[in-house]
All heavy atoms as atom14 arrays in JSON, in Angstrom:
{
  "sequence": "ARLVKYGETVRAVGYRDCLRVASLPAKHAEKCSSLMS",
  "atom14_mask": [
    [1, 1, 1, 1, 1, 0, 0, 0, 0, 0, 0, 0, 0, 0],
    [1, 1, 1, 1, 1, 1, 1, 1, 1, 1, 1, 0, 0, 0],
    [1, 1, 1, 1, 1, 1, 1, 1, 0, 0, 0, 0, 0, 0],
    [1, 1, 1, 1, 1, 1, 1, 0, 0, 0, 0, 0, 0, 0],
    [1, 1, 1, 1, 1, 1, 1, 1, 1, 0, 0, 0, 0, 0],
    [1, 1, 1, 1, 1, 1, 1, 1, 1, 1, 1, 1, 0, 0],
    [1, 1, 1, 1, 0, 0, 0, 0, 0, 0, 0, 0, 0, 0],
    [1, 1, 1, 1, 1, 1, 1, 1, 1, 0, 0, 0, 0, 0],
    [1, 1, 1, 1, 1, 1, 1, 0, 0, 0, 0, 0, 0, 0],
    [1, 1, 1, 1, 1, 1, 1, 0, 0, 0, 0, 0, 0, 0],
    [1, 1, 1, 1, 1, 1, 1, 1, 1, 1, 1, 0, 0, 0],
    [1, 1, 1, 1, 1, 0, 0, 0, 0, 0, 0, 0, 0, 0],
    [1, 1, 1, 1, 1, 1, 1, 0, 0, 0, 0, 0, 0, 0],
    [1, 1, 1, 1, 0, 0, 0, 0, 0, 0, 0, 0, 0, 0],
    [1, 1, 1, 1, 1, 1, 1, 1, 1, 1, 1, 1, 0, 0],
    [1, 1, 1, 1, 1, 1, 1, 1, 1, 1, 1, 0, 0, 0],
    [1, 1, 1, 1, 1, 1, 1, 1, 0, 0, 0, 0, 0, 0],
    [1, 1, 1, 1, 1, 1, 0, 0, 0, 0, 0, 0, 0, 0],
    [1, 1, 1, 1, 1, 1, 1, 1, 0, 0, 0, 0, 0, 0],
    [1, 1, 1, 1, 1, 1, 1, 1, 1, 1, 1, 0, 0, 0],
    [1, 1, 1, 1, 1, 1, 1, 0, 0, 0, 0, 0, 0, 0],
    [1, 1, 1, 1, 1, 0, 0, 0, 0, 0, 0, 0, 0, 0],
    [1, 1, 1, 1, 1, 1, 0, 0, 0, 0, 0, 0, 0, 0],
    [1, 1, 1, 1, 1, 1, 1, 1, 0, 0, 0, 0, 0, 0],
    [1, 1, 1, 1, 1, 1, 1, 0, 0, 0, 0, 0, 0, 0],
    [1, 1, 1, 1, 1, 0, 0, 0, 0, 0, 0, 0, 0, 0],
    [1, 1, 1, 1, 1, 1, 1, 1, 1, 0, 0, 0, 0, 0],
    [1, 1, 1, 1, 1, 1, 1, 1, 1, 1, 0, 0, 0, 0],
    [1, 1, 1, 1, 1, 0, 0, 0, 0, 0, 0, 0, 0, 0],
    [1, 1, 1, 1, 1, 1, 1, 1, 1, 0, 0, 0, 0, 0],
    [1, 1, 1, 1, 1, 1, 1, 1, 1, 0, 0, 0, 0, 0],
    [1, 1, 1, 1, 1, 1, 0, 0, 0, 0, 0, 0, 0, 0],
    [1, 1, 1, 1, 1, 1, 0, 0, 0, 0, 0, 0, 0, 0],
    [1, 1, 1, 1, 1, 1, 0, 0, 0, 0, 0, 0, 0, 0],
    [1, 1, 1, 1, 1, 1, 1, 1, 0, 0, 0, 0, 0, 0],
    [1, 1, 1, 1, 1, 1, 1, 1, 0, 0, 0, 0, 0, 0],
    [1, 1, 1, 1, 1, 1, 0, 0, 0, 0, 0, 0, 0, 0]
  ],
  "atom14_positions": [
    [[0.82, -1.19, -0.1], [-0.07, -0.02, 0.0], [0.88, 1.17, -0.03], [1.85, 1.34, 0.75], [-0.94, 0.01, 1.22], [0.0, 0.0, 0.0], [0.0, 0.0, 0.0], [0.0, 0.0, 0.0], [0.0, 0.0, 0.0], [0.0, 0.0, 0.0], [0.0, 0.0, 0.0], [0.0, 0.0, 0.0], [0.0, 0.0, 0.0], [0.0, 0.0, 0.0]],
    [[0.53, 2.19, -0.86], [1.35, 3.47, -0.92], [0.4, 4.56, -1.16], [-0.6, 4.62, -1.97], [2.28, 3.41, -2.12], [3.36, 2.42, -2.04], [4.35, 2.73, -0.88], [5.4, 1.84, -0.66], [5.46, 0.81, 0.2], [4.38, 0.72, 1.01], [6.44, -0.01, 0.35], [0.0, 0.0, 0.0], [0.0, 0.0, 0.0], [0.0, 0.0, 0.0]],
    [[0.54, 5.61, -0.32], [-0.36, 6.81, -0.45], [-0.27, 7.48, -1.82], [0.83, 7.69, -2.38], [0.03, 7.84, 0.64], [-0.31, 7.39, 2.06], [0.33, 8.46, 3.03], [-1.85, 7.46, 2.29], [0.0, 0.0, 0.0], [0.0, 0.0, 0.0], [0.0, 0.0, 0.0], [0.0, 0.0, 0.0], [0.0, 0.0, 0.0], [0.0, 0.0, 0.0]],
    [[-1.42, 7.83, -2.29], [-1.59, 8.53, -3.57], [-1.81, 10.0, -3.18], [-1.2, 11.03, -3.54], [-2.75, 8.19, -4.47], [-2.94, 8.99, -5.6], [-2.49, 6.7, -4.88], [0.0, 0.0, 0.0], [0.0, 0.0, 0.0], [0.0, 0.0, 0.0], [0.0, 0.0, 0.0], [0.0, 0.0, 0.0], [0.0, 0.0, 0.0], [0.0, 0.0, 0.0]],
    [[-2.8, 10.27, -2.17], [-2.97, 11.5, -1.53], [-3.23, 11.34, -0.02], [-4.18, 10.65, 0.31], [-4.2, 12.17, -2.23], [-4.46, 13.56, -1.71], [-5.61, 14.3, -2.42], [-5.81, 15.73, -1.96], [-6.99, 16.36, -2.47], [0.0, 0.0, 0.0], [0.0, 0.0, 0.0], [0.0, 0.0, 0.0], [0.0, 0.0, 0.0], [0.0, 0.0, 0.0]],
    [[-2.51, 11.96, 0.74], [-2.58, 11.89, 2.2], [-3.96, 12.13, 2.65], [-4.51, 13.11, 2.27], [-1.52, 12.71, 2.97], [-1.46, 12.49, 4.44], [-0.8, 11.45, 4.94], [-2.36, 13.19, 5.27], [-0.78, 11.15, 6.4], [-2.43, 13.01, 6.66], [-1.6, 11.95, 7.13], [-1.62, 11.73, 8.49], [0.0, 0.0, 0.0], [0.0, 0.0, 0.0]],
    [[-4.51, 11.2, 3.5], [-5.75, 11.52, 4.09], [-6.99, 11.24, 3.13], [-8.12, 11.59, 3.5], [0.0, 0.0, 0.0], [0.0, 0.0, 0.0], [0.0, 0.0, 0.0], [0.0, 0.0, 0.0], [0.0, 0.0, 0.0], [0.0, 0.0, 0.0], [0.0, 0.0, 0.0], [0.0, 0.0, 0.0], [0.0, 0.0, 0.0], [0.0, 0.0, 0.0]],
    [[-6.7, 10.65, 2.01], [-7.84, 10.42, 1.09], [-7.69, 9.14, 0.26], [-8.6, 8.3, 0.16], [-7.8, 11.58, 0.1], [-9.09, 11.49, -0.85], [-9.08, 12.62, -1.8], [-9.1, 13.91, -1.28], [-9.09, 12.58, -3.03], [0.0, 0.0, 0.0], [0.0, 0.0, 0.0], [0.0, 0.0, 0.0], [0.0, 0.0, 0.0], [0.0, 0.0, 0.0]],
    [[-6.52, 8.88, -0.43], [-6.35, 7.72, -1.32], [-5.12, 6.99, -1.08], [-4.08, 7.67, -0.94], [-6.47, 8.29, -2.73], [-7.61, 9.01, -3.0], [-6.44, 7.14, -3.72], [0.0, 0.0, 0.0], [0.0, 0.0, 0.0], [0.0, 0.0, 0.0], [0.0, 0.0, 0.0], [0.0, 0.0, 0.0], [0.0, 0.0, 0.0], [0.0, 0.0, 0.0]],
    [[-5.13, 5.65, -1.13], [-3.94, 4.77, -1.05], [-4.08, 3.81, -2.24], [-5.21, 3.34, -2.55], [-3.88, 4.16, 0.27], [-5.02, 3.17, 0.52], [-2.54, 3.42, 0.43], [0.0, 0.0, 0.0], [0.0, 0.0, 0.0], [0.0, 0.0, 0.0], [0.0, 0.0, 0.0], [0.0, 0.0, 0.0], [0.0, 0.0, 0.0], [0.0, 0.0, 0.0]],
    [[-2.96, 3.49, -2.94], [-2.92, 2.52, -3.88], [-2.54, 1.15, -3.16], [-1.45, 1.11, -2.59], [-1.86, 2.9, -5.02], [-1.76, 1.77, -6.11], [-0.98, 2.32, -7.25], [-1.66, 3.36, -8.05], [-1.37, 4.62, -8.03], [-0.28, 5.1, -7.39], [-2.07, 5.54, -8.69], [0.0, 0.0, 0.0], [0.0, 0.0, 0.0], [0.0, 0.0, 0.0]],
    [[-3.37, 0.19, -3.3], [-3.13, -1.09, -2.75], [-3.15, -2.17, -3.92], [-4.19, -2.37, -4.5], [-4.3, -1.42, -1.69], [0.0, 0.0, 0.0], [0.0, 0.0, 0.0], [0.0, 0.0, 0.0], [0.0, 0.0, 0.0], [0.0, 0.0, 0.0], [0.0, 0.0, 0.0], [0.0, 0.0, 0.0], [0.0, 0.0, 0.0], [0.0, 0.0, 0.0]],
    [[-2.0, -2.77, -3.92], [-1.84, -3.85, -5.02], [-1.21, -5.06, -4.38], [-0.69, -5.09, -3.35], [-0.94, -3.29, -6.18], [-1.66, -2.16, -6.83], [0.44, -2.98, -5.67], [0.0, 0.0, 0.0], [0.0, 0.0, 0.0], [0.0, 0.0, 0.0], [0.0, 0.0, 0.0], [0.0, 0.0, 0.0], [0.0, 0.0, 0.0], [0.0, 0.0, 0.0]],
    [[-1.51, -6.23, -5.02], [-0.85, -7.55, -4.65], [-1.42, -8.04, -3.39], [-0.74, -8.54, -2.45], [0.0, 0.0, 0.0], [0.0, 0.0, 0.0], [0.0, 0.0, 0.0], [0.0, 0.0, 0.0], [0.0, 0.0, 0.0], [0.0, 0.0, 0.0], [0.0, 0.0, 0.0], [0.0, 0.0, 0.0], [0.0, 0.0, 0.0], [0.0, 0.0, 0.0]],
    [[-2.73, -7.94, -3.28], [-3.47, -8.53, -2.04], [-3.02, -9.99, -1.81], [-2.98, -10.85, -2.91], [-4.92, -8.38, -2.17], [-5.45, -7.08, -1.61], [-5.63, -5.98, -2.57], [-5.75, -6.76, -0.36], [-5.92, -4.73, -2.15], [-6.19, -5.5, 0.03], [-6.36, -4.48, -0.86], [-6.63, -3.3, -0.43], [0.0, 0.0, 0.0], [0.0, 0.0, 0.0]],
    [[-2.77, -10.48, -0.72], [-2.42, -11.83, -0.39], [-3.69, -12.76, -0.55], [-4.81, -12.35, -0.58], [-1.95, -11.92, 0.98], [-0.7, -11.14, 1.27], [-0.16, -11.4, 2.69], [1.02, -10.45, 2.82], [2.25, -10.73, 2.32], [2.4, -11.79, 1.7], [3.24, -9.89, 2.57], [0.0, 0.0, 0.0], [0.0, 0.0, 0.0], [0.0, 0.0, 0.0]],
    [[-3.29, -14.0, -0.77], [-4.56, -15.05, -0.84], [-5.14, -15.26, 0.55], [-6.3, -15.65, 0.64], [-3.9, -16.36, -1.34], [-3.43, -16.26, -2.8], [-4.07, -15.41, -3.57], [-2.59, -17.02, -3.23], [0.0, 0.0, 0.0], [0.0, 0.0, 0.0], [0.0, 0.0, 0.0], [0.0, 0.0, 0.0], [0.0, 0.0, 0.0], [0.0, 0.0, 0.0]],
    [[-4.39, -15.18, 1.65], [-4.84, -15.24, 2.95], [-4.06, -14.49, 3.92], [-2.85, -14.02, 3.63], [-5.02, -16.62, 3.31], [-3.44, -17.51, 3.71], [0.0, 0.0, 0.0], [0.0, 0.0, 0.0], [0.0, 0.0, 0.0], [0.0, 0.0, 0.0], [0.0, 0.0, 0.0], [0.0, 0.0, 0.0], [0.0, 0.0, 0.0], [0.0, 0.0, 0.0]],
    [[-4.62, -14.18, 5.09], [-3.89, -13.61, 6.19], [-3.58, -14.58, 7.28], [-4.4, -15.59, 7.47], [-4.69, -12.29, 6.7], [-4.86, -11.16, 5.82], [-5.91, -10.21, 6.42], [-3.56, -10.46, 5.42], [0.0, 0.0, 0.0], [0.0, 0.0, 0.0], [0.0, 0.0, 0.0], [0.0, 0.0, 0.0], [0.0, 0.0, 0.0], [0.0, 0.0, 0.0]],
    [[-2.59, -14.37, 8.05], [-2.33, -15.21, 9.25], [-2.33, -14.27, 10.46], [-1.73, -13.3, 10.55], [-0.95, -15.92, 9.08], [-1.06, -16.97, 7.99], [0.4, -17.64, 7.78], [0.29, -18.67, 6.75], [0.3, -18.49, 5.46], [0.51, -17.3, 4.93], [0.21, -19.46, 4.63], [0.0, 0.0, 0.0], [0.0, 0.0, 0.0], [0.0, 0.0, 0.0]],
    [[-2.99, -14.92, 11.51], [-3.28, -14.02, 12.78], [-2.95, -14.86, 14.01], [-3.2, -16.05, 14.03], [-4.75, -13.65, 12.73], [-5.0, -12.82, 14.0], [-5.16, -12.86, 11.63], [0.0, 0.0, 0.0], [0.0, 0.0, 0.0], [0.0, 0.0, 0.0], [0.0, 0.0, 0.0], [0.0, 0.0, 0.0], [0.0, 0.0, 0.0], [0.0, 0.0, 0.0]],
    [[-2.27, -14.34, 14.95], [-2.06, -14.85, 16.25], [-2.53, -13.83, 17.32], [-2.68, -12.63, 17.02], [-0.56, -15.22, 16.45], [0.0, 0.0, 0.0], [0.0, 0.0, 0.0], [0.0, 0.0, 0.0], [0.0, 0.0, 0.0], [0.0, 0.0, 0.0], [0.0, 0.0, 0.0], [0.0, 0.0, 0.0], [0.0, 0.0, 0.0], [0.0, 0.0, 0.0]],
    [[-2.81, -14.31, 18.48], [-3.34, -13.41, 19.48], [-2.67, -13.84, 20.9], [-2.19, -14.91, 21.13], [-4.84, -13.43, 19.64], [-5.21, -14.67, 20.27], [0.0, 0.0, 0.0], [0.0, 0.0, 0.0], [0.0, 0.0, 0.0], [0.0, 0.0, 0.0], [0.0, 0.0, 0.0], [0.0, 0.0, 0.0], [0.0, 0.0, 0.0], [0.0, 0.0, 0.0]],
    [[-2.82, -12.83, 21.78], [-2.36, -12.93, 23.26], [-3.6, -12.44, 24.08], [-3.88, -11.28, 23.92], [-1.11, -12.21, 23.5], [0.12, -12.63, 22.9], [1.28, -11.53, 22.96], [0.61, -13.9, 23.57], [0.0, 0.0, 0.0], [0.0, 0.0, 0.0], [0.0, 0.0, 0.0], [0.0, 0.0, 0.0], [0.0, 0.0, 0.0], [0.0, 0.0, 0.0]],
    [[-4.14, -13.37, 24.88], [-3.99, -14.8, 25.03], [-4.3, -15.45, 23.66], [-5.2, -15.02, 22.96], [-4.92, -15.15, 26.15], [-5.22, -13.84, 26.88], [-5.21, -12.76, 25.88], [0.0, 0.0, 0.0], [0.0, 0.0, 0.0], [0.0, 0.0, 0.0], [0.0, 0.0, 0.0], [0.0, 0.0, 0.0], [0.0, 0.0, 0.0], [0.0, 0.0, 0.0]],
    [[-3.71, -16.68, 23.51], [-3.75, -17.41, 22.2], [-5.18, -17.94, 21.99], [-5.54, -18.12, 20.88], [-2.78, -18.68, 22.27], [0.0, 0.0, 0.0], [0.0, 0.0, 0.0], [0.0, 0.0, 0.0], [0.0, 0.0, 0.0], [0.0, 0.0, 0.0], [0.0, 0.0, 0.0], [0.0, 0.0, 0.0], [0.0, 0.0, 0.0], [0.0, 0.0, 0.0]],
    [[-5.98, -18.1, 23.06], [-7.28, -18.69, 22.89], [-8.27, -17.83, 22.05], [-9.31, -18.27, 21.67], [-7.93, -19.07, 24.15], [-8.12, -17.86, 25.08], [-8.71, -18.38, 26.44], [-9.09, -17.19, 27.27], [-9.51, -17.6, 28.72], [0.0, 0.0, 0.0], [0.0, 0.0, 0.0], [0.0, 0.0, 0.0], [0.0, 0.0, 0.0], [0.0, 0.0, 0.0]],
    [[-7.82, -16.6, 21.91], [-8.79, -15.64, 21.12], [-8.4, -15.36, 19.63], [-8.9, -14.55, 18.94], [-8.71, -14.26, 21.85], [-9.25, -14.28, 23.24], [-10.64, -14.5, 23.59], [-8.55, -14.18, 24.43], [-10.67, -14.51, 24.89], [-9.52, -14.31, 25.47], [0.0, 0.0, 0.0], [0.0, 0.0, 0.0], [0.0, 0.0, 0.0], [0.0, 0.0, 0.0]],
    [[-7.47, -16.21, 19.17], [-6.94, -16.02, 17.81], [-8.11, -16.21, 16.81], [-8.16, -15.45, 15.87], [-5.84, -17.1, 17.53], [0.0, 0.0, 0.0], [0.0, 0.0, 0.0], [0.0, 0.0, 0.0], [0.0, 0.0, 0.0], [0.0, 0.0, 0.0], [0.0, 0.0, 0.0], [0.0, 0.0, 0.0], [0.0, 0.0, 0.0], [0.0, 0.0, 0.0]],
    [[-8.96, -17.17, 17.05], [-10.07, -17.43, 16.07], [-10.98, -16.2, 15.93], [-11.35, -15.84, 14.92], [-10.8, -18.59, 16.38], [-11.8, -19.11, 15.32], [-11.1, -19.46, 14.05], [-10.12, -20.09, 14.02], [-11.58, -18.95, 13.01], [0.0, 0.0, 0.0], [0.0, 0.0, 0.0], [0.0, 0.0, 0.0], [0.0, 0.0, 0.0], [0.0, 0.0, 0.0]],
    [[-11.26, -15.62, 17.04], [-12.12, -14.38, 17.07], [-11.51, -13.26, 16.22], [-12.19, -12.64, 15.37], [-12.39, -13.97, 18.57], [-13.11, -12.61, 18.65], [-13.19, -12.25, 20.19], [-13.87, -10.96, 20.43], [-13.99, -10.69, 21.96], [0.0, 0.0, 0.0], [0.0, 0.0, 0.0], [0.0, 0.0, 0.0], [0.0, 0.0, 0.0], [0.0, 0.0, 0.0]],
    [[-10.16, -12.99, 16.52], [-9.42, -11.96, 15.79], [-9.3, -12.34, 14.26], [-9.5, -11.42, 13.39], [-8.14, -11.8, 16.39], [-8.2, -11.33, 18.16], [0.0, 0.0, 0.0], [0.0, 0.0, 0.0], [0.0, 0.0, 0.0], [0.0, 0.0, 0.0], [0.0, 0.0, 0.0], [0.0, 0.0, 0.0], [0.0, 0.0, 0.0], [0.0, 0.0, 0.0]],
    [[-9.1, -13.55, 13.97], [-8.98, -13.98, 12.6], [-10.37, -13.81, 11.91], [-10.29, -13.28, 10.78], [-8.56, -15.57, 12.58], [-8.46, -15.94, 11.28], [0.0, 0.0, 0.0], [0.0, 0.0, 0.0], [0.0, 0.0, 0.0], [0.0, 0.0, 0.0], [0.0, 0.0, 0.0], [0.0, 0.0, 0.0], [0.0, 0.0, 0.0], [0.0, 0.0, 0.0]],
    [[-11.33, -14.11, 12.54], [-12.77, -13.89, 11.87], [-13.0, -12.38, 11.5], [-13.48, -12.13, 10.39], [-13.74, -14.35, 12.79], [-13.72, -15.75, 12.93], [0.0, 0.0, 0.0], [0.0, 0.0, 0.0], [0.0, 0.0, 0.0], [0.0, 0.0, 0.0], [0.0, 0.0, 0.0], [0.0, 0.0, 0.0], [0.0, 0.0, 0.0], [0.0, 0.0, 0.0]],
    [[-12.58, -11.55, 12.45], [-12.7, -10.1, 12.17], [-11.93, -9.63, 10.97], [-12.44, -8.94, 10.14], [-12.31, -9.29, 13.32], [-12.32, -7.79, 13.29], [-13.8, -7.29, 12.98], [-11.81, -7.12, 14.53], [0.0, 0.0, 0.0], [0.0, 0.0, 0.0], [0.0, 0.0, 0.0], [0.0, 0.0, 0.0], [0.0, 0.0, 0.0], [0.0, 0.0, 0.0]],
    [[-10.77, -10.04, 10.91], [-9.86, -9.67, 9.72], [-10.44, -10.31, 8.4], [-10.35, -9.67, 7.37], [-8.45, -10.12, 9.96], [-7.66, -9.41, 11.02], [-7.3, -7.71, 10.64], [-8.79, -6.89, 11.48], [0.0, 0.0, 0.0], [0.0, 0.0, 0.0], [0.0, 0.0, 0.0], [0.0, 0.0, 0.0], [0.0, 0.0, 0.0], [0.0, 0.0, 0.0]],
    [[-10.85, -11.54, 8.51], [-11.54, -12.12, 7.35], [-12.71, -11.41, 6.82], [-12.85, -11.17, 5.6], [-11.88, -13.61, 7.64], [-12.36, -14.28, 6.59], [0.0, 0.0, 0.0], [0.0, 0.0, 0.0], [0.0, 0.0, 0.0], [0.0, 0.0, 0.0], [0.0, 0.0, 0.0], [0.0, 0.0, 0.0], [0.0, 0.0, 0.0], [0.0, 0.0, 0.0]]
  ]
}
């Protein structure tokens, strides 16, 4: 991601196929992963 115009537009290219998430405490990783998804 690179800004095109600060406070308005960003160029985002090459989105990943998936994200990887971990949490502290570890038992909440699924909740956080679901939000990002």
